[in-house]
Amino acid sequence: MTDQTVTASRAKKTFWLLSVAVAVVFLDQLTKSLVIANLVPQQSYPFLGDLVHLYLTFNKSAAFSIGFGVTWVFTLISSVAALTVIWFGLRVRTVGWAVIGGALLGGIVGNLIDRLTRAPGFPNGQVVDFIQIPFNFPIFNLADSAICVVAGIVVILVARGQKIGG
C-alpha cells in the first residue's frame, strides 16, 4: 500500500467519523430545541400511541439519573470521553468502525453541549430529555440513544469475534 493510498484511506475514515458525529449532534440539538419550543415540561404527549410519549424534563444527573447533584463530574468525564473517542476514532482500521465511533462521539458531544450551555450554567447545565417509553424506563434523548445503540453494536461485534477498531 502506498503512502498516498494510506492517506486517502485515513481521510475517508476521518470523514465518516466526523460526519456521523456532526449529524448526530445536529439531530440531537435540533430535537431538543424543538421540544423545548413546543412542549410544556413535565407533561406527557402521546407520540406513537402508548409505545412512545414525549415528556420534556431537564436531567441534572447522568444516565438513568445516577449521580444527582454532581453534574460537573459528568461534564469532565464527557469531555475526556469525547477526546478519547476522537483519539481512537482517528486510528480505526475500517469505515464501519469510524461510523460507530462517530455515532458514539456525536452522542457524547450532544449531551456535553447541554452540560456546558444550558441552565443553571457551565459546567452544571441540565441535559434535555424527552423520549418516554413504557415500563417506567428513564426518559432519554437522541444522544443517549446513539450511545446505547453503539454500545449494543459493539457488544454484538465483539461477541462475534471482531476486534474493536477493526
Foldseek 3Di string as FASTA:
>chain_A
DDPVVVVVQLVLLLCLLQVLLVVLLVVQVVVLVVCVVPDDAQDWADDPHQFKIWHKDWQQADPPNPPHPPQLVLLVVLVVVLVVLSVLSSVFDDSVLSNLSSLLNNLSVNQNCQCDPAPPHPNRGTGIFIIDGPPPHDTHTSSVVSNVVSVVVVVVCVVVPDDRRD
